PDB file of N, CA and C in Angstrom:
ATOM      1  N   MET A   1     -11.446   1.558  -6.923  1.00  0.00           N
ATOM      2  CA  MET A   1     -11.924   0.792  -5.725  1.00  0.00           C
ATOM      3  C   MET A   1     -11.373  -0.629  -5.906  1.00  0.00           C
ATOM      4  N   LEU A   2     -10.909  -1.209  -4.934  1.00  0.00           N
ATOM      5  CA  LEU A   2     -10.354  -2.627  -4.893  1.00  0.00           C
ATOM      6  C   LEU A   2     -11.527  -3.622  -4.914  1.00  0.00           C
ATOM      7  N   GLN A   3     -11.248  -4.720  -5.473  1.00  0.00           N
ATOM      8  CA  GLN A   3     -12.122  -5.885  -5.519  1.00  0.00           C
ATOM      9  C   GLN A   3     -11.728  -6.958  -4.385  1.00  0.00           C
ATOM     10  N   PHE A   4     -12.581  -7.470  -3.792  1.00  0.00           N
ATOM     11  CA  PHE A   4     -12.494  -8.525  -2.649  1.00  0.00           C
ATOM     12  C   PHE A   4     -13.615  -9.565  -2.875  1.00  0.00           C
ATOM     13  N   GLU A   5     -13.239 -10.751  -2.548  1.00  0.00           N
ATOM     14  CA  GLU A   5     -14.203 -11.812  -2.476  1.00  0.00           C
ATOM     15  C   GLU A   5     -14.728 -11.632  -1.049  1.00  0.00           C
ATOM     16  N   GLU A   6     -16.011 -12.033  -0.664  1.00  0.00           N
ATOM     17  CA  GLU A   6     -16.575 -11.951   0.648  1.00  0.00           C
ATOM     18  C   GLU A   6     -15.828 -12.625   1.698  1.00  0.00           C
ATOM     19  N   SER A   7     -15.281 -13.781   1.302  1.00  0.00           N
ATOM     20  CA  SER A   7     -14.437 -14.631   2.277  1.00  0.00           C
ATOM     21  C   SER A   7     -13.129 -13.898   2.528  1.00  0.00           C
ATOM     22  N   ASP A   8     -12.607 -13.270   1.608  1.00  0.00           N
ATOM     23  CA  ASP A   8     -11.275 -12.281   1.814  1.00  0.00           C
ATOM     24  C   ASP A   8     -11.696 -11.203   2.761  1.00  0.00           C
ATOM     25  N   LYS A   9     -12.701 -10.642   2.538  1.00  0.00           N
ATOM     26  CA  LYS A   9     -13.185  -9.454   3.560  1.00  0.00           C
ATOM     27  C   LYS A   9     -13.185  -9.978   4.913  1.00  0.00           C
ATOM     28  N   THR A  10     -13.917 -11.100   5.008  1.00  0.00           N
ATOM     29  CA  THR A  10     -14.127 -11.731   6.348  1.00  0.00           C
ATOM     30  C   THR A  10     -12.872 -12.004   7.005  1.00  0.00           C
ATOM     31  N   PHE A  11     -11.895 -12.632   6.328  1.00  0.00           N
ATOM     32  CA  PHE A  11     -10.514 -12.882   6.958  1.00  0.00           C
ATOM     33  C   PHE A  11      -9.805 -11.645   7.271  1.00  0.00           C
ATOM     34  N   ILE A  12      -9.916 -10.627   6.385  1.00  0.00           N
ATOM     35  CA  ILE A  12      -9.136  -9.424   6.704  1.00  0.00           C
ATOM     36  C   ILE A  12      -9.746  -8.663   7.928  1.00  0.00           C
ATOM     37  N   ARG A  13     -11.102  -8.692   7.975  1.00  0.00           N
ATOM     38  CA  ARG A  13     -11.724  -8.132   9.202  1.00  0.00           C
ATOM     39  C   ARG A  13     -11.364  -8.732  10.540  1.00  0.00           C
ATOM     40  N   ARG A  14     -11.232 -10.058  10.407  1.00  0.00           N
ATOM     41  CA  ARG A  14     -10.963 -10.893  11.676  1.00  0.00           C
ATOM     42  C   ARG A  14      -9.435 -10.791  12.086  1.00  0.00           C
ATOM     43  N   ASN A  15      -8.631 -10.507  11.150  1.00  0.00           N
ATOM     44  CA  ASN A  15      -7.257 -10.569  11.444  1.00  0.00           C
ATOM     45  C   ASN A  15      -6.457  -9.378  11.344  1.00  0.00           C
ATOM     46  N   LEU A  16      -7.025  -8.285  10.846  1.00  0.00           N
ATOM     47  CA  LEU A  16      -6.203  -7.019  10.774  1.00  0.00           C
ATOM     48  C   LEU A  16      -6.923  -5.821  11.425  1.00  0.00           C
ATOM     49  N   GLU A  17      -6.229  -5.067  12.249  1.00  0.00           N
ATOM     50  CA  GLU A  17      -6.669  -4.084  13.137  1.00  0.00           C
ATOM     51  C   GLU A  17      -7.304  -2.895  12.208  1.00  0.00           C
ATOM     52  N   ASN A  18      -6.688  -2.665  11.152  1.00  0.00           N
ATOM     53  CA  ASN A  18      -7.058  -1.490  10.282  1.00  0.00           C
ATOM     54  C   ASN A  18      -7.808  -2.004   9.068  1.00  0.00           C
ATOM     55  N   ALA A  19      -8.678  -3.098   9.278  1.00  0.00           N
ATOM     56  CA  ALA A  19      -9.389  -3.714   8.158  1.00  0.00           C
ATOM     57  C   ALA A  19     -10.299  -2.849   7.471  1.00  0.00           C
ATOM     58  N   ASP A  20     -11.089  -2.007   8.022  1.00  0.00           N
ATOM     59  CA  ASP A  20     -11.908  -0.992   7.462  1.00  0.00           C
ATOM     60  C   ASP A  20     -11.283  -0.049   6.572  1.00  0.00           C
ATOM     61  N   ALA A  21     -10.167   0.448   6.990  1.00  0.00           N
ATOM     62  CA  ALA A  21      -9.335   1.365   6.135  1.00  0.00           C
ATOM     63  C   ALA A  21      -8.849   0.730   4.929  1.00  0.00           C
ATOM     64  N   LEU A  22      -8.311  -0.499   5.160  1.00  0.00           N
ATOM     65  CA  LEU A  22      -7.854  -1.323   4.024  1.00  0.00           C
ATOM     66  C   LEU A  22      -8.861  -1.700   2.940  1.00  0.00           C
ATOM     67  N   LEU A  23     -10.003  -2.127   3.511  1.00  0.00           N
ATOM     68  CA  LEU A  23     -11.074  -2.448   2.583  1.00  0.00           C
ATOM     69  C   LEU A  23     -11.717  -1.381   1.807  1.00  0.00           C
ATOM     70  N   SER A  24     -11.754  -0.108   2.414  1.00  0.00           N
ATOM     71  CA  SER A  24     -12.220   1.021   1.754  1.00  0.00           C
ATOM     72  C   SER A  24     -11.329   1.888   1.072  1.00  0.00           C
ATOM     73  N   GLY A  25     -10.073   1.516   1.146  1.00  0.00           N
ATOM     74  CA  GLY A  25      -8.995   2.304   0.540  1.00  0.00           C
ATOM     75  C   GLY A  25      -8.902   1.874  -1.016  1.00  0.00           C
ATOM     76  N   SER A  26      -7.889   2.555  -1.647  1.00  0.00           N
ATOM     77  CA  SER A  26      -7.577   2.206  -3.034  1.00  0.00           C
ATOM     78  C   SER A  26      -6.232   1.833  -3.414  1.00  0.00           C
ATOM     79  N   SER A  27      -5.432   1.434  -2.175  1.00  0.00           N
ATOM     80  CA  SER A  27      -4.113   0.983  -2.426  1.00  0.00           C
ATOM     81  C   SER A  27      -3.978  -0.558  -2.338  1.00  0.00           C
ATOM     82  N   LEU A  28      -3.817  -1.100  -3.346  1.00  0.00           N
ATOM     83  CA  LEU A  28      -3.469  -2.546  -3.381  1.00  0.00           C
ATOM     84  C   LEU A  28      -2.316  -2.873  -2.673  1.00  0.00           C
ATOM     85  N   GLY A  29      -1.260  -2.136  -2.696  1.00  0.00           N
ATOM     86  CA  GLY A  29      -0.059  -2.348  -1.936  1.00  0.00           C
ATOM     87  C   GLY A  29      -0.177  -2.369  -0.462  1.00  0.00           C
ATOM     88  N   ASN A  30      -1.010  -1.461   0.052  1.00  0.00           N
ATOM     89  CA  ASN A  30      -1.316  -1.376   1.472  1.00  0.00           C
ATOM     90  C   ASN A  30      -1.933  -2.666   1.894  1.00  0.00           C
ATOM     91  N   VAL A  31      -2.923  -3.216   1.254  1.00  0.00           N
ATOM     92  CA  VAL A  31      -3.586  -4.532   1.692  1.00  0.00           C
ATOM     93  C   VAL A  31      -2.496  -5.644   1.576  1.00  0.00           C
ATOM     94  N   LEU A  32      -1.854  -5.651   0.452  1.00  0.00           N
ATOM     95  CA  LEU A  32      -0.855  -6.809   0.336  1.00  0.00           C
ATOM     96  C   LEU A  32       0.231  -6.716   1.372  1.00  0.00           C
ATOM     97  N   ASP A  33       0.606  -5.491   1.665  1.00  0.00           N
ATOM     98  CA  ASP A  33       1.683  -5.424   2.740  1.00  0.00           C
ATOM     99  C   ASP A  33       1.178  -5.851   4.066  1.00  0.00           C
ATOM    100  N   ALA A  34      -0.111  -5.550   4.420  1.00  0.00           N
ATOM    101  CA  ALA A  34      -0.631  -5.863   5.593  1.00  0.00           C
ATOM    102  C   ALA A  34      -0.688  -7.500   5.747  1.00  0.00           C
ATOM    103  N   LEU A  35      -1.273  -8.052   4.619  1.00  0.00           N
ATOM    104  CA  LEU A  35      -1.251  -9.501   4.599  1.00  0.00           C
ATOM    105  C   LEU A  35       0.069 -10.206   4.738  1.00  0.00           C
ATOM    106  N   PHE A  36       0.976  -9.536   4.106  1.00  0.00           N
ATOM    107  CA  PHE A  36       2.314 -10.200   4.036  1.00  0.00           C
ATOM    108  C   PHE A  36       2.961 -10.134   5.505  1.00  0.00           C
ATOM    109  N   ASP A  37       2.838  -8.944   6.246  1.00  0.00           N
ATOM    110  CA  ASP A  37       3.209  -8.771   7.584  1.00  0.00           C
ATOM    111  C   ASP A  37       2.444  -9.832   8.434  1.00  0.00           C
ATOM    112  N   LEU A  38       1.149 -10.023   8.186  1.00  0.00           N
ATOM    113  CA  LEU A  38       0.493 -11.012   9.108  1.00  0.00           C
ATOM    114  C   LEU A  38       1.003 -12.421   8.828  1.00  0.00           C
ATOM    115  N   ILE A  39       1.259 -12.726   7.603  1.00  0.00           N
ATOM    116  CA  ILE A  39       1.847 -14.156   7.293  1.00  0.00           C
ATOM    117  C   ILE A  39       3.280 -14.137   8.002  1.00  0.00           C
ATOM    118  N   GLU A  40       4.081 -13.180   7.980  1.00  0.00           N
ATOM    119  CA  GLU A  40       5.375 -13.147   8.631  1.00  0.00           C
ATOM    120  C   GLU A  40       5.187 -13.399  10.042  1.00  0.00           C
ATOM    121  N   GLU A  41       4.177 -12.723  10.691  1.00  0.00           N
ATOM    122  CA  GLU A  41       4.015 -12.860  12.192  1.00  0.00           C
ATOM    123  C   GLU A  41       3.412 -14.104  12.627  1.00  0.00           C
ATOM    124  N   LYS A  42       2.474 -14.569  11.876  1.00  0.00           N
ATOM    125  CA  LYS A  42       1.691 -15.796  12.539  1.00  0.00           C
ATOM    126  C   LYS A  42       1.586 -17.031  11.455  1.00  0.00           C
ATOM    127  N   GLY A  43       2.187 -16.947  10.301  1.00  0.00           N
ATOM    128  CA  GLY A  43       1.995 -18.022   9.335  1.00  0.00           C
ATOM    129  C   GLY A  43       2.921 -19.073   9.143  1.00  0.00           C
ATOM    130  N   TYR A  44       3.915 -19.189   9.971  1.00  0.00           N
ATOM    131  CA  TYR A  44       4.866 -20.273   9.733  1.00  0.00           C
ATOM    132  C   TYR A  44       4.869 -21.218  10.870  1.00  0.00           C
ATOM    133  N   ALA A  45       5.171 -22.538  10.656  1.00  0.00           N
ATOM    134  CA  ALA A  45       4.988 -23.606  11.433  1.00  0.00           C
ATOM    135  C   ALA A  45       6.367 -23.931  12.205  1.00  0.00           C
ATOM    136  N   PRO A  46       6.326 -24.109  13.496  1.00  0.00           N
ATOM    137  CA  PRO A  46       7.598 -24.577  14.136  1.00  0.00           C
ATOM    138  C   PRO A  46       7.891 -25.925  13.795  1.00  0.00           C
ATOM    139  N   PRO A  47       9.075 -26.373  14.048  1.00  0.00           N
ATOM    140  CA  PRO A  47      10.098 -25.929  14.806  1.00  0.00           C
ATOM    141  C   PRO A  47      11.083 -24.948  14.086  1.00  0.00           C
ATOM    142  N   HIS A  48      11.009 -25.028  12.670  1.00  0.00           N
ATOM    143  CA  HIS A  48      12.084 -24.316  11.910  1.00  0.00           C
ATOM    144  C   HIS A  48      11.485 -23.158  11.260  1.00  0.00           C
ATOM    145  N   TYR A  49      10.215 -22.987  11.122  1.00  0.00           N
ATOM    146  CA  TYR A  49       9.632 -21.856  10.567  1.00  0.00           C
ATOM    147  C   TYR A  49       9.924 -21.598   9.087  1.00  0.00           C
ATOM    148  N   TYR A  50       9.970 -22.697   8.313  1.00  0.00           N
ATOM    149  CA  TYR A  50      10.312 -22.771   6.997  1.00  0.00           C
ATOM    150  C   TYR A  50       8.978 -22.884   6.135  1.00  0.00           C
ATOM    151  N   ASP A  51       8.025 -23.594   6.695  1.00  0.00           N
ATOM    152  CA  ASP A  51       6.757 -23.866   5.938  1.00  0.00           C
ATOM    153  C   ASP A  51       5.604 -23.215   6.668  1.00  0.00           C
ATOM    154  N   TYR A  52       4.528 -22.985   5.825  1.00  0.00           N
ATOM    155  CA  TYR A  52       3.358 -22.316   6.363  1.00  0.00           C
ATOM    156  C   TYR A  52       2.619 -23.254   7.395  1.00  0.00           C
ATOM    157  N   ASN A  53       1.980 -22.676   8.374  1.00  0.00           N
ATOM    158  CA  ASN A  53       0.867 -23.491   9.132  1.00  0.00           C
ATOM    159  C   ASN A  53      -0.303 -23.266   8.460  1.00  0.00           C
ATOM    160  N   ASP A  54      -1.291 -23.759   9.091  1.00  0.00           N
ATOM    161  CA  ASP A  54      -2.708 -23.728   8.438  1.00  0.00           C
ATOM    162  C   ASP A  54      -3.110 -22.197   8.250  1.00  0.00           C
ATOM    163  N   PHE A  55      -2.792 -21.417   9.239  1.00  0.00           N
ATOM    164  CA  PHE A  55      -3.184 -19.951   9.216  1.00  0.00           C
ATOM    165  C   PHE A  55      -2.449 -19.284   8.016  1.00  0.00           C
ATOM    166  N   GLY A  56      -1.160 -19.682   7.960  1.00  0.00           N
ATOM    167  CA  GLY A  56      -0.363 -19.130   6.898  1.00  0.00           C
ATOM    168  C   GLY A  56      -0.897 -19.411   5.429  1.00  0.00           C
ATOM    169  N   ARG A  57      -1.308 -20.740   5.288  1.00  0.00           N
ATOM    170  CA  ARG A  57      -1.835 -21.151   4.001  1.00  0.00           C
ATOM    171  C   ARG A  57      -3.072 -20.330   3.611  1.00  0.00           C
ATOM    172  N   LYS A  58      -3.831 -20.146   4.608  1.00  0.00           N
ATOM    173  CA  LYS A  58      -5.184 -19.471   4.395  1.00  0.00           C
ATOM    174  C   LYS A  58      -4.810 -18.017   4.105  1.00  0.00           C
ATOM    175  N   ALA A  59      -4.038 -17.363   4.973  1.00  0.00           N
ATOM    176  CA  ALA A  59      -3.594 -16.079   4.610  1.00  0.00           C
ATOM    177  C   ALA A  59      -2.972 -15.877   3.250  1.00  0.00           C
ATOM    178  N   GLN A  60      -2.276 -16.790   2.779  1.00  0.00           N
ATOM    179  CA  GLN A  60      -1.511 -16.730   1.465  1.00  0.00           C
ATOM    180  C   GLN A  60      -2.624 -16.900   0.347  1.00  0.00           C
ATOM    181  N   ARG A  61      -3.784 -17.694   0.608  1.00  0.00           N
ATOM    182  CA  ARG A  61      -4.770 -17.711  -0.314  1.00  0.00           C
ATOM    183  C   ARG A  61      -5.468 -16.452  -0.391  1.00  0.00           C
ATOM    184  N   VAL A  62      -5.750 -15.756   0.606  1.00  0.00           N
ATOM    185  CA  VAL A  62      -6.361 -14.523   0.632  1.00  0.00           C
ATOM    186  C   VAL A  62      -5.464 -13.462  -0.137  1.00  0.00           C
ATOM    187  N   TYR A  63      -4.249 -13.493   0.210  1.00  0.00           N
ATOM    188  CA  TYR A  63      -3.229 -12.548  -0.574  1.00  0.00           C
ATOM    189  C   TYR A  63      -3.346 -12.743  -1.990  1.00  0.00           C
ATOM    190  N   ASP A  64      -3.227 -14.058  -2.390  1.00  0.00           N
ATOM    191  CA  ASP A  64      -3.384 -14.416  -3.886  1.00  0.00           C
ATOM    192  C   ASP A  64      -4.512 -13.830  -4.555  1.00  0.00           C
ATOM    193  N   SER A  65      -5.765 -14.277  -3.919  1.00  0.00           N
ATOM    194  CA  SER A  65      -7.019 -13.856  -4.338  1.00  0.00           C
ATOM    195  C   SER A  65      -7.132 -12.305  -4.549  1.00  0.00           C
ATOM    196  N   VAL A  66      -6.721 -11.493  -3.564  1.00  0.00           N
ATOM    197  CA  VAL A  66      -6.730 -10.089  -3.505  1.00  0.00           C
ATOM    198  C   VAL A  66      -5.871  -9.544  -4.791  1.00  0.00           C
ATOM    199  N   TYR A  67      -4.581 -10.202  -4.783  1.00  0.00           N
ATOM    200  CA  TYR A  67      -3.769  -9.764  -5.875  1.00  0.00           C
ATOM    201  C   TYR A  67      -4.271 -10.052  -7.221  1.00  0.00           C
ATOM    202  N   TYR A  68      -4.824 -11.335  -7.421  1.00  0.00           N
ATOM    203  CA  TYR A  68      -5.402 -11.589  -8.671  1.00  0.00           C
ATOM    204  C   TYR A  68      -6.584 -10.800  -9.154  1.00  0.00           C
ATOM    205  N   LEU A  69      -7.555 -10.597  -8.120  1.00  0.00           N
ATOM    206  CA  LEU A  69      -8.784  -9.825  -8.559  1.00  0.00           C
ATOM    207  C   LEU A  69      -8.389  -8.391  -8.940  1.00  0.00           C
ATOM    208  N   ASN A  70      -7.298  -7.870  -8.355  1.00  0.00           N
ATOM    209  CA  ASN A  70      -7.074  -6.427  -8.651  1.00  0.00           C
ATOM    210  C   ASN A  70      -5.836  -6.219  -9.739  1.00  0.00           C
ATOM    211  N   THR A  71      -5.427  -7.231 -10.290  1.00  0.00           N
ATOM    212  CA  THR A  71      -4.383  -7.029 -11.327  1.00  0.00           C
ATOM    213  C   THR A  71      -4.835  -7.500 -12.783  1.00  0.00           C
ATOM    214  N   GLN A  72      -5.887  -8.298 -12.816  1.00  0.00           N
ATOM    215  CA  GLN A  72      -6.412  -8.874 -14.037  1.00  0.00           C
ATOM    216  C   GLN A  72      -7.174  -7.679 -14.807  1.00  0.00           C
ATOM    217  N   LYS A  73      -6.998  -7.719 -16.011  1.00  0.00           N
ATOM    218  CA  LYS A  73      -7.745  -6.741 -16.797  1.00  0.00           C
ATOM    219  C   LYS A  73      -8.611  -7.261 -17.695  1.00  0.00           C
TER     220      LYS A  73
END
């Protein structure tokens, strides 16, 4: 079973359509892939789309948190 902070769960539920399946699943890769795709879609600031916008920074923090919680032994 994957580990999540409550704030990470809240973010995932608000922003991903398949949140329940991701949160109850056992695949870290699926969660991280979904977060990566979300960052790619909504996470960059115009005009050049090189840097994160506020949403992208928050999504990256969730990504990092989920990764860290599930890879530390």
